[in-house]
Amino acid sequence: MNDESRPKASTGTFRVRGVSRDLHRAARLRAVSQGTTLRRVLLEALQAYGAGTWTPAEKPSATS
């Protein structure tokens, strides 16, 4: 694959829609209580997902 056909790297900036204020606050407070940041929590989750070491649980189907 040559440089022209290689996908461009992202900026590293993500916007996640649909996160309620309550969820954001709870996650941030939990991170702080564990001595870390929400940024670090999200980075570790993305790294684990990208490495194939973590997969989100499947949502139950509406018919179950």
PDB file of N, CA and C in Angstrom:
ATOM      1  N   MET A   1       0.854  -1.180   0.000  1.00  0.00           N
ATOM      2  CA  MET A   1       0.000   0.000   0.000  1.00  0.00           C
ATOM      3  C   MET A   1       0.892   1.231   0.000  1.00  0.00           C
ATOM      4  N   ASN A   2       0.704   2.122  -0.968  1.00  0.00           N
ATOM      5  CA  ASN A   2       1.532   3.320  -1.011  1.00  0.00           C
ATOM      6  C   ASN A   2       0.918   4.416  -0.151  1.00  0.00           C
ATOM      7  N   ASP A   3       1.681   5.502   0.049  1.00  0.00           N
ATOM      8  CA  ASP A   3       1.236   6.579   0.939  1.00  0.00           C
ATOM      9  C   ASP A   3      -0.055   7.250   0.474  1.00  0.00           C
ATOM     10  N   GLU A   4      -0.263   7.331  -0.854  1.00  0.00           N
ATOM     11  CA  GLU A   4      -1.465   8.000  -1.353  1.00  0.00           C
ATOM     12  C   GLU A   4      -2.740   7.208  -1.085  1.00  0.00           C
ATOM     13  N   SER A   5      -2.644   5.881  -1.057  1.00  0.00           N
ATOM     14  CA  SER A   5      -3.841   5.069  -0.847  1.00  0.00           C
ATOM     15  C   SER A   5      -4.084   4.745   0.629  1.00  0.00           C
ATOM     16  N   ARG A   6      -3.152   5.104   1.477  1.00  0.00           N
ATOM     17  CA  ARG A   6      -3.277   4.835   2.904  1.00  0.00           C
ATOM     18  C   ARG A   6      -4.288   5.816   3.526  1.00  0.00           C
ATOM     19  N   PRO A   7      -5.195   5.328   4.367  1.00  0.00           N
ATOM     20  CA  PRO A   7      -6.145   6.240   5.011  1.00  0.00           C
ATOM     21  C   PRO A   7      -5.414   7.264   5.880  1.00  0.00           C
ATOM     22  N   LYS A   8      -5.940   8.467   5.930  1.00  0.00           N
ATOM     23  CA  LYS A   8      -5.351   9.522   6.748  1.00  0.00           C
ATOM     24  C   LYS A   8      -5.644   9.246   8.220  1.00  0.00           C
ATOM     25  N   ALA A   9      -4.709   9.596   9.080  1.00  0.00           N
ATOM     26  CA  ALA A   9      -4.914   9.447  10.520  1.00  0.00           C
ATOM     27  C   ALA A   9      -5.948  10.467  10.978  1.00  0.00           C
ATOM     28  N   SER A  10      -6.732  10.070  11.946  1.00  0.00           N
ATOM     29  CA  SER A  10      -7.724  10.999  12.487  1.00  0.00           C
ATOM     30  C   SER A  10      -7.034  12.004  13.394  1.00  0.00           C
ATOM     31  N   THR A  11      -7.762  13.028  13.757  1.00  0.00           N
ATOM     32  CA  THR A  11      -7.212  14.061  14.631  1.00  0.00           C
ATOM     33  C   THR A  11      -7.150  13.606  16.069  1.00  0.00           C
ATOM     34  N   GLY A  12      -7.855  12.524  16.396  1.00  0.00           N
ATOM     35  CA  GLY A  12      -7.897  12.076  17.778  1.00  0.00           C
ATOM     36  C   GLY A  12      -8.992  12.749  18.571  1.00  0.00           C
ATOM     37  N   THR A  13      -9.792  13.563  17.901  1.00  0.00           N
ATOM     38  CA  THR A  13     -10.903  14.242  18.557  1.00  0.00           C
ATOM     39  C   THR A  13     -12.182  13.500  18.216  1.00  0.00           C
ATOM     40  N   PHE A  14     -12.930  13.114  19.248  1.00  0.00           N
ATOM     41  CA  PHE A  14     -14.172  12.391  19.048  1.00  0.00           C
ATOM     42  C   PHE A  14     -15.321  13.137  19.700  1.00  0.00           C
ATOM     43  N   ARG A  15     -16.449  13.131  19.046  1.00  0.00           N
ATOM     44  CA  ARG A  15     -17.676  13.653  19.628  1.00  0.00           C
ATOM     45  C   ARG A  15     -18.624  12.466  19.716  1.00  0.00           C
ATOM     46  N   VAL A  16     -19.105  12.207  20.893  1.00  0.00           N
ATOM     47  CA  VAL A  16     -20.016  11.085  21.095  1.00  0.00           C
ATOM     48  C   VAL A  16     -21.397  11.650  21.380  1.00  0.00           C
ATOM     49  N   ARG A  17     -22.308  11.387  20.459  1.00  0.00           N
ATOM     50  CA  ARG A  17     -23.677  11.876  20.630  1.00  0.00           C
ATOM     51  C   ARG A  17     -24.480  10.889  21.459  1.00  0.00           C
ATOM     52  N   GLY A  18     -25.509  11.393  22.102  1.00  0.00           N
ATOM     53  CA  GLY A  18     -26.430  10.531  22.822  1.00  0.00           C
ATOM     54  C   GLY A  18     -26.010  10.199  24.243  1.00  0.00           C
ATOM     55  N   VAL A  19     -24.974  10.863  24.750  1.00  0.00           N
ATOM     56  CA  VAL A  19     -24.551  10.638  26.128  1.00  0.00           C
ATOM     57  C   VAL A  19     -25.265  11.673  26.998  1.00  0.00           C
ATOM     58  N   SER A  20     -26.115  11.184  27.876  1.00  0.00           N
ATOM     59  CA  SER A  20     -26.865  12.113  28.725  1.00  0.00           C
ATOM     60  C   SER A  20     -25.926  12.808  29.714  1.00  0.00           C
ATOM     61  N   ARG A  21     -26.369  13.928  30.223  1.00  0.00           N
ATOM     62  CA  ARG A  21     -25.575  14.633  31.240  1.00  0.00           C
ATOM     63  C   ARG A  21     -25.394  13.766  32.474  1.00  0.00           C
ATOM     64  N   ASP A  22     -26.440  13.026  32.832  1.00  0.00           N
ATOM     65  CA  ASP A  22     -26.344  12.155  34.006  1.00  0.00           C
ATOM     66  C   ASP A  22     -25.291  11.070  33.812  1.00  0.00           C
ATOM     67  N   LEU A  23     -25.268  10.442  32.630  1.00  0.00           N
ATOM     68  CA  LEU A  23     -24.274   9.407  32.355  1.00  0.00           C
ATOM     69  C   LEU A  23     -22.872   9.999  32.350  1.00  0.00           C
ATOM     70  N   HIS A  24     -22.703  11.131  31.705  1.00  0.00           N
ATOM     71  CA  HIS A  24     -21.397  11.794  31.649  1.00  0.00           C
ATOM     72  C   HIS A  24     -20.913  12.121  33.060  1.00  0.00           C
ATOM     73  N   ARG A  25     -21.788  12.671  33.864  1.00  0.00           N
ATOM     74  CA  ARG A  25     -21.429  13.046  35.242  1.00  0.00           C
ATOM     75  C   ARG A  25     -21.067  11.817  36.064  1.00  0.00           C
ATOM     76  N   ALA A  26     -21.877  10.763  35.970  1.00  0.00           N
ATOM     77  CA  ALA A  26     -21.607   9.550  36.741  1.00  0.00           C
ATOM     78  C   ALA A  26     -20.270   8.934  36.340  1.00  0.00           C
ATOM     79  N   ALA A  27     -19.989   8.883  35.045  1.00  0.00           N
ATOM     80  CA  ALA A  27     -18.730   8.307  34.567  1.00  0.00           C
ATOM     81  C   ALA A  27     -17.543   9.158  35.008  1.00  0.00           C
ATOM     82  N   ARG A  28     -17.699  10.468  34.919  1.00  0.00           N
ATOM     83  CA  ARG A  28     -16.612  11.365  35.333  1.00  0.00           C
ATOM     84  C   ARG A  28     -16.351  11.237  36.833  1.00  0.00           C
ATOM     85  N   LEU A  29     -17.422  11.199  37.626  1.00  0.00           N
ATOM     86  CA  LEU A  29     -17.253  11.071  39.075  1.00  0.00           C
ATOM     87  C   LEU A  29     -16.616   9.733  39.452  1.00  0.00           C
ATOM     88  N   ARG A  30     -17.003   8.663  38.760  1.00  0.00           N
ATOM     89  CA  ARG A  30     -16.391   7.359  39.036  1.00  0.00           C
ATOM     90  C   ARG A  30     -14.909   7.383  38.691  1.00  0.00           C
ATOM     91  N   ALA A  31     -14.576   7.963  37.553  1.00  0.00           N
ATOM     92  CA  ALA A  31     -13.172   8.049  37.159  1.00  0.00           C
ATOM     93  C   ALA A  31     -12.367   8.809  38.216  1.00  0.00           C
ATOM     94  N   VAL A  32     -12.889   9.945  38.646  1.00  0.00           N
ATOM     95  CA  VAL A  32     -12.198  10.751  39.657  1.00  0.00           C
ATOM     96  C   VAL A  32     -12.038   9.955  40.951  1.00  0.00           C
ATOM     97  N   SER A  33     -13.087   9.223  41.345  1.00  0.00           N
ATOM     98  CA  SER A  33     -13.014   8.450  42.585  1.00  0.00           C
ATOM     99  C   SER A  33     -11.975   7.341  42.496  1.00  0.00           C
ATOM    100  N   GLN A  34     -11.633   6.926  41.278  1.00  0.00           N
ATOM    101  CA  GLN A  34     -10.622   5.894  41.072  1.00  0.00           C
ATOM    102  C   GLN A  34      -9.252   6.489  40.736  1.00  0.00           C
ATOM    103  N   GLY A  35      -9.151   7.809  40.865  1.00  0.00           N
ATOM    104  CA  GLY A  35      -7.866   8.474  40.656  1.00  0.00           C
ATOM    105  C   GLY A  35      -7.442   8.584  39.213  1.00  0.00           C
ATOM    106  N   THR A  36      -8.406   8.627  38.309  1.00  0.00           N
ATOM    107  CA  THR A  36      -8.078   8.744  36.888  1.00  0.00           C
ATOM    108  C   THR A  36      -8.983   9.796  36.253  1.00  0.00           C
ATOM    109  N   THR A  37      -8.963   9.854  34.950  1.00  0.00           N
ATOM    110  CA  THR A  37      -9.794  10.805  34.220  1.00  0.00           C
ATOM    111  C   THR A  37     -10.713  10.053  33.266  1.00  0.00           C
ATOM    112  N   LEU A  38     -11.777  10.693  32.884  1.00  0.00           N
ATOM    113  CA  LEU A  38     -12.672  10.094  31.909  1.00  0.00           C
ATOM    114  C   LEU A  38     -11.944   9.901  30.580  1.00  0.00           C
ATOM    115  N   ARG A  39     -11.049  10.800  30.238  1.00  0.00           N
ATOM    116  CA  ARG A  39     -10.248  10.662  29.021  1.00  0.00           C
ATOM    117  C   ARG A  39      -9.448   9.360  29.056  1.00  0.00           C
ATOM    118  N   ARG A  40      -8.816   9.084  30.184  1.00  0.00           N
ATOM    119  CA  ARG A  40      -8.008   7.863  30.316  1.00  0.00           C
ATOM    120  C   ARG A  40      -8.875   6.609  30.223  1.00  0.00           C
ATOM    121  N   VAL A  41     -10.052   6.652  30.859  1.00  0.00           N
ATOM    122  CA  VAL A  41     -10.978   5.520  30.801  1.00  0.00           C
ATOM    123  C   VAL A  41     -11.352   5.237  29.346  1.00  0.00           C
ATOM    124  N   LEU A  42     -11.696   6.282  28.603  1.00  0.00           N
ATOM    125  CA  LEU A  42     -12.102   6.111  27.208  1.00  0.00           C
ATOM    126  C   LEU A  42     -10.937   5.644  26.340  1.00  0.00           C
ATOM    127  N   LEU A  43      -9.750   6.180  26.574  1.00  0.00           N
ATOM    128  CA  LEU A  43      -8.577   5.739  25.805  1.00  0.00           C
ATOM    129  C   LEU A  43      -8.292   4.255  26.044  1.00  0.00           C
ATOM    130  N   GLU A  44      -8.363   3.828  27.303  1.00  0.00           N
ATOM    131  CA  GLU A  44      -8.102   2.414  27.593  1.00  0.00           C
ATOM    132  C   GLU A  44      -9.169   1.517  26.968  1.00  0.00           C
ATOM    133  N   ALA A  45     -10.414   1.967  26.985  1.00  0.00           N
ATOM    134  CA  ALA A  45     -11.483   1.179  26.360  1.00  0.00           C
ATOM    135  C   ALA A  45     -11.261   1.074  24.850  1.00  0.00           C
ATOM    136  N   LEU A  46     -10.899   2.167  24.201  1.00  0.00           N
ATOM    137  CA  LEU A  46     -10.637   2.134  22.760  1.00  0.00           C
ATOM    138  C   LEU A  46      -9.427   1.266  22.432  1.00  0.00           C
ATOM    139  N   GLN A  47      -8.393   1.331  23.255  1.00  0.00           N
ATOM    140  CA  GLN A  47      -7.209   0.505  23.024  1.00  0.00           C
ATOM    141  C   GLN A  47      -7.555  -0.973  23.154  1.00  0.00           C
ATOM    142  N   ALA A  48      -8.321  -1.326  24.176  1.00  0.00           N
ATOM    143  CA  ALA A  48      -8.709  -2.724  24.369  1.00  0.00           C
ATOM    144  C   ALA A  48      -9.586  -3.204  23.218  1.00  0.00           C
ATOM    145  N   TYR A  49     -10.509  -2.371  22.780  1.00  0.00           N
ATOM    146  CA  TYR A  49     -11.379  -2.743  21.669  1.00  0.00           C
ATOM    147  C   TYR A  49     -10.567  -2.915  20.384  1.00  0.00           C
ATOM    148  N   GLY A  50      -9.678  -1.977  20.121  1.00  0.00           N
ATOM    149  CA  GLY A  50      -8.843  -2.051  18.931  1.00  0.00           C
ATOM    150  C   GLY A  50      -7.919  -3.263  18.932  1.00  0.00           C
ATOM    151  N   ALA A  51      -7.461  -3.654  20.110  1.00  0.00           N
ATOM    152  CA  ALA A  51      -6.569  -4.809  20.233  1.00  0.00           C
ATOM    153  C   ALA A  51      -7.331  -6.131  20.221  1.00  0.00           C
ATOM    154  N   GLY A  52      -8.655  -6.050  20.294  1.00  0.00           N
ATOM    155  CA  GLY A  52      -9.459  -7.262  20.291  1.00  0.00           C
ATOM    156  C   GLY A  52      -9.553  -7.943  21.644  1.00  0.00           C
ATOM    157  N   THR A  53      -9.179  -7.242  22.703  1.00  0.00           N
ATOM    158  CA  THR A  53      -9.227  -7.838  24.042  1.00  0.00           C
ATOM    159  C   THR A  53     -10.504  -7.515  24.795  1.00  0.00           C
ATOM    160  N   TRP A  54     -11.369  -6.698  24.220  1.00  0.00           N
ATOM    161  CA  TRP A  54     -12.654  -6.357  24.834  1.00  0.00           C
ATOM    162  C   TRP A  54     -13.682  -6.174  23.735  1.00  0.00           C
ATOM    163  N   THR A  55     -14.852  -6.740  23.961  1.00  0.00           N
ATOM    164  CA  THR A  55     -15.975  -6.586  23.046  1.00  0.00           C
ATOM    165  C   THR A  55     -17.195  -6.213  23.869  1.00  0.00           C
ATOM    166  N   PRO A  56     -17.943  -5.193  23.454  1.00  0.00           N
ATOM    167  CA  PRO A  56     -19.115  -4.822  24.236  1.00  0.00           C
ATOM    168  C   PRO A  56     -20.136  -5.951  24.255  1.00  0.00           C
ATOM    169  N   ALA A  57     -20.864  -6.038  25.335  1.00  0.00           N
ATOM    170  CA  ALA A  57     -21.928  -7.053  25.434  1.00  0.00           C
ATOM    171  C   ALA A  57     -22.994  -6.753  24.392  1.00  0.00           C
ATOM    172  N   GLU A  58     -23.555  -7.809  23.827  1.00  0.00           N
ATOM    173  CA  GLU A  58     -24.625  -7.614  22.847  1.00  0.00           C
ATOM    174  C   GLU A  58     -25.876  -7.115  23.552  1.00  0.00           C
ATOM    175  N   LYS A  59     -26.575  -6.215  22.869  1.00  0.00           N
ATOM    176  CA  LYS A  59     -27.859  -5.760  23.395  1.00  0.00           C
ATOM    177  C   LYS A  59     -28.868  -6.876  23.266  1.00  0.00           C
ATOM    178  N   PRO A  60     -29.693  -7.083  24.290  1.00  0.00           N
ATOM    179  CA  PRO A  60     -30.742  -8.099  24.137  1.00  0.00           C
ATOM    180  C   PRO A  60     -31.690  -7.682  23.025  1.00  0.00           C
ATOM    181  N   SER A  61     -32.183  -8.647  22.270  1.00  0.00           N
ATOM    182  CA  SER A  61     -33.107  -8.318  21.181  1.00  0.00           C
ATOM    183  C   SER A  61     -34.447  -7.908  21.762  1.00  0.00           C
ATOM    184  N   ALA A  62     -35.219  -7.162  20.991  1.00  0.00           N
ATOM    185  CA  ALA A  62     -36.510  -6.667  21.432  1.00  0.00           C
ATOM    186  C   ALA A  62     -37.504  -7.803  21.633  1.00  0.00           C
ATOM    187  N   THR A  63     -37.241  -8.957  21.023  1.00  0.00           N
ATOM    188  CA  THR A  63     -38.174 -10.086  21.130  1.00  0.00           C
ATOM    189  C   THR A  63     -37.848 -11.007  22.307  1.00  0.00           C
ATOM    190  N   SER A  64     -36.723 -10.765  23.006  1.00  0.00           N
ATOM    191  CA  SER A  64     -36.357 -11.645  24.121  1.00  0.00           C
ATOM    192  C   SER A  64     -37.096 -11.277  25.375  1.00  0.00           C
TER     193      SER A  64
END
